[in-house]
Each structure stands twice: as C-alpha cells, then as structure tokens.
Amino acid sequence: MKKIILACAAGMSTSILVSKMKKEATARSIELNIEAIPESTIKEELEAVTDSVIAILLGPQVRMRKKAVTEIAAPYGIPVDVIDTLAYGRGNGAAVLDQALKLAGENI
C-alpha cells in the first residue's frame, strides 16, 4: 500500500492531521497508509519501511530540516515538502492530502 509520512518535532502535532487525512482518503476511495512520525526518525523509517512511501511532508515547525530530509529521501526517490502553514493550522486534512498527492505526482 502507498504511504505518506507526516513528520514533526515529536510526531504528535501531526497525528490529528493524519486522522483527518485518513478520513478524507477513505471518502475519496483512495487506499493510503498515512503516518505521523518524529522528524528525527525519518532515516530509520525509510530503511525499515515495507510500504511504498510516495511523499514526506514536514510540519511547519521543522521546516528548517527540509534540505536534510530531502537528502535522506533522495536515494529512495521520495519527494519532500513542508505542509502548507494555513492548512496545518486549520487542521485541513483535505488540503494536506491534496498537497501530498500533488507532491507524489506520477508516484501515486
């Protein structure tokens, strides 16, 4: 199953957004595994992952780590971006799902 990773400082602030994204994916009949993790564990997650990660979205509070995470994800061909601040703040699962799917492009 395709997987989207949301990463923030501890993986907790994005967990509410994950729930809303899962509901939206189900409503659209899109099968996805969406998971929130601490940004510091991305490398280990990608090394151990069994699902096909199609996108990594970073919480706005760890935006300064985008370059480093992009370098970690590059060998796997996984695109990385920062979650839109407005969508994040409003907990807009539909908008963040759209952002992830657009970021994934032909990988979906």
C-alpha atoms as a PDB file:
ATOM      1  CA  MET A   1       0.000   0.000   0.000  1.00  0.00           C
ATOM      2  CA  LYS A   2       1.193   3.527  -0.772  1.00  0.00           C
ATOM      3  CA  LYS A   3       2.305   5.546   2.235  1.00  0.00           C
ATOM      4  CA  ILE A   4       2.502   9.242   3.127  1.00  0.00           C
ATOM      5  CA  ILE A   5       4.674  10.296   6.048  1.00  0.00           C
ATOM      6  CA  LEU A   6       3.981  13.442   8.053  1.00  0.00           C
ATOM      7  CA  ALA A   7       6.895  14.411  10.266  1.00  0.00           C
ATOM      8  CA  CYS A   8       7.129  16.998  13.004  1.00  0.00           C
ATOM      9  CA  ALA A   9       9.243  17.539  16.102  1.00  0.00           C
ATOM     10  CA  ALA A  10       7.723  14.619  18.045  1.00  0.00           C
ATOM     11  CA  GLY A  11       5.152  13.169  15.645  1.00  0.00           C
ATOM     12  CA  MET A  12       2.325  14.296  17.899  1.00  0.00           C
ATOM     13  CA  SER A  13       1.091  17.575  16.447  1.00  0.00           C
ATOM     14  CA  THR A  14       0.670  15.971  13.035  1.00  0.00           C
ATOM     15  CA  SER A  15      -1.277  12.986  14.406  1.00  0.00           C
ATOM     16  CA  ILE A  16      -4.568  14.940  14.450  1.00  0.00           C
ATOM     17  CA  LEU A  17      -3.961  15.913  10.839  1.00  0.00           C
ATOM     18  CA  VAL A  18      -3.272  12.270   9.966  1.00  0.00           C
ATOM     19  CA  SER A  19      -6.719  11.278  11.273  1.00  0.00           C
ATOM     20  CA  LYS A  20      -8.386  13.919   9.132  1.00  0.00           C
ATOM     21  CA  MET A  21      -6.351  12.924   6.074  1.00  0.00           C
ATOM     22  CA  LYS A  22      -7.301   9.257   6.539  1.00  0.00           C
ATOM     23  CA  LYS A  23     -10.995  10.186   6.705  1.00  0.00           C
ATOM     24  CA  GLU A  24     -10.648  12.230   3.526  1.00  0.00           C
ATOM     25  CA  ALA A  25      -8.766   9.447   1.709  1.00  0.00           C
ATOM     26  CA  THR A  26     -11.496   6.973   2.687  1.00  0.00           C
ATOM     27  CA  ALA A  27     -14.200   9.368   1.479  1.00  0.00           C
ATOM     28  CA  ARG A  28     -12.381   9.552  -1.873  1.00  0.00           C
ATOM     29  CA  SER A  29     -11.887   5.766  -2.019  1.00  0.00           C
ATOM     30  CA  ILE A  30      -8.094   6.188  -2.001  1.00  0.00           C
ATOM     31  CA  GLU A  31      -6.165   3.451  -0.212  1.00  0.00           C
ATOM     32  CA  LEU A  32      -3.248   5.020   1.624  1.00  0.00           C
ATOM     33  CA  ASN A  33      -1.258   4.416   4.758  1.00  0.00           C
ATOM     34  CA  ILE A  34      -0.738   7.837   6.367  1.00  0.00           C
ATOM     35  CA  GLU A  35       1.542   8.031   9.370  1.00  0.00           C
ATOM     36  CA  ALA A  36       2.916  10.695  11.727  1.00  0.00           C
ATOM     37  CA  ILE A  37       6.475  10.265  12.987  1.00  0.00           C
ATOM     38  CA  PRO A  38       9.144  12.382  14.653  1.00  0.00           C
ATOM     39  CA  GLU A  39      11.327  14.085  12.052  1.00  0.00           C
ATOM     40  CA  SER A  40      14.418  12.674  13.762  1.00  0.00           C
ATOM     41  CA  THR A  41      13.379   9.098  12.845  1.00  0.00           C
ATOM     42  CA  ILE A  42      12.872   9.562   9.100  1.00  0.00           C
ATOM     43  CA  LYS A  43      16.121   7.844   8.121  1.00  0.00           C
ATOM     44  CA  GLU A  44      15.353   4.770  10.228  1.00  0.00           C
ATOM     45  CA  GLU A  45      11.762   4.714   8.966  1.00  0.00           C
ATOM     46  CA  LEU A  46      12.870   4.726   5.333  1.00  0.00           C
ATOM     47  CA  GLU A  47      15.445   1.997   5.974  1.00  0.00           C
ATOM     48  CA  ALA A  48      12.830  -0.240   7.614  1.00  0.00           C
ATOM     49  CA  VAL A  49       9.737   0.627   5.616  1.00  0.00           C
ATOM     50  CA  THR A  50       7.791  -2.119   3.896  1.00  0.00           C
ATOM     51  CA  ASP A  51       5.203   0.175   2.345  1.00  0.00           C
ATOM     52  CA  SER A  52       5.935   2.296  -0.698  1.00  0.00           C
ATOM     53  CA  VAL A  53       6.420   5.842   0.604  1.00  0.00           C
ATOM     54  CA  ILE A  54       5.205   8.321  -2.025  1.00  0.00           C
ATOM     55  CA  ALA A  55       5.706  11.603  -0.126  1.00  0.00           C
ATOM     56  CA  ILE A  56       7.088  13.089   3.065  1.00  0.00           C
ATOM     57  CA  LEU A  57       5.503  16.246   4.450  1.00  0.00           C
ATOM     58  CA  LEU A  58       7.169  18.170   7.257  1.00  0.00           C
ATOM     59  CA  GLY A  59       5.296  20.134   9.895  1.00  0.00           C
ATOM     60  CA  PRO A  60       5.923  23.878   9.656  1.00  0.00           C
ATOM     61  CA  GLN A  61       7.824  23.825  12.966  1.00  0.00           C
ATOM     62  CA  VAL A  62      10.580  21.664  11.382  1.00  0.00           C
ATOM     63  CA  ARG A  63      10.710  23.473   8.021  1.00  0.00           C
ATOM     64  CA  MET A  64      14.394  24.218   8.585  1.00  0.00           C
ATOM     65  CA  ARG A  65      15.101  20.484   8.218  1.00  0.00           C
ATOM     66  CA  LYS A  66      13.703  20.273   4.674  1.00  0.00           C
ATOM     67  CA  LYS A  67      17.121  20.220   2.982  1.00  0.00           C
ATOM     68  CA  ALA A  68      18.448  17.483   5.284  1.00  0.00           C
ATOM     69  CA  VAL A  69      15.298  15.358   4.923  1.00  0.00           C
ATOM     70  CA  THR A  70      15.350  15.830   1.145  1.00  0.00           C
ATOM     71  CA  GLU A  71      18.907  14.465   1.113  1.00  0.00           C
ATOM     72  CA  ILE A  72      17.845  11.457   3.225  1.00  0.00           C
ATOM     73  CA  ALA A  73      14.844  10.748   0.970  1.00  0.00           C
ATOM     74  CA  ALA A  74      16.644  11.314  -2.367  1.00  0.00           C
ATOM     75  CA  PRO A  75      18.106   7.789  -2.702  1.00  0.00           C
ATOM     76  CA  TYR A  76      14.563   6.424  -2.354  1.00  0.00           C
ATOM     77  CA  GLY A  77      13.136   8.863  -4.921  1.00  0.00           C
ATOM     78  CA  ILE A  78      10.711  10.273  -2.357  1.00  0.00           C
ATOM     79  CA  PRO A  79       9.679  13.940  -2.664  1.00  0.00           C
ATOM     80  CA  VAL A  80       9.698  16.154   0.443  1.00  0.00           C
ATOM     81  CA  ASP A  81       7.860  19.385   1.193  1.00  0.00           C
ATOM     82  CA  VAL A  82       6.663  21.466   4.144  1.00  0.00           C
ATOM     83  CA  ILE A  83       2.955  21.300   4.965  1.00  0.00           C
ATOM     84  CA  ASP A  84       1.129  24.464   3.974  1.00  0.00           C
ATOM     85  CA  THR A  85       1.051  26.564   7.161  1.00  0.00           C
ATOM     86  CA  LEU A  86      -2.569  27.642   6.769  1.00  0.00           C
ATOM     87  CA  ALA A  87      -3.811  24.106   6.079  1.00  0.00           C
ATOM     88  CA  TYR A  88      -1.747  22.831   9.004  1.00  0.00           C
ATOM     89  CA  GLY A  89      -3.053  25.470  11.402  1.00  0.00           C
ATOM     90  CA  ARG A  90      -6.648  24.827  10.406  1.00  0.00           C
ATOM     91  CA  GLY A  91      -6.243  21.067  10.524  1.00  0.00           C
ATOM     92  CA  ASN A  92      -7.455  20.884   6.935  1.00  0.00           C
ATOM     93  CA  GLY A  93      -6.912  17.199   6.148  1.00  0.00           C
ATOM     94  CA  ALA A  94      -8.341  17.511   2.636  1.00  0.00           C
ATOM     95  CA  ALA A  95      -5.906  20.283   1.689  1.00  0.00           C
ATOM     96  CA  VAL A  96      -2.900  18.449   3.113  1.00  0.00           C
ATOM     97  CA  LEU A  97      -3.954  15.236   1.365  1.00  0.00           C
ATOM     98  CA  ASP A  98      -4.188  17.188  -1.886  1.00  0.00           C
ATOM     99  CA  GLN A  99      -0.723  18.632  -1.254  1.00  0.00           C
ATOM    100  CA  ALA A 100       0.740  15.163  -0.657  1.00  0.00           C
ATOM    101  CA  LEU A 101      -0.914  13.659  -3.726  1.00  0.00           C
ATOM    102  CA  LYS A 102       0.255  16.547  -5.906  1.00  0.00           C
ATOM    103  CA  LEU A 103       3.763  16.209  -4.500  1.00  0.00           C
ATOM    104  CA  ALA A 104       3.745  12.473  -5.263  1.00  0.00           C
ATOM    105  CA  GLY A 105       2.816  13.162  -8.873  1.00  0.00           C
ATOM    106  CA  GLU A 106       3.189  10.077 -11.000  1.00  0.00           C
ATOM    107  CA  ASN A 107       4.265   8.029  -7.977  1.00  0.00           C
ATOM    108  CA  ILE A 108       0.626   7.502  -6.985  1.00  0.00           C
END
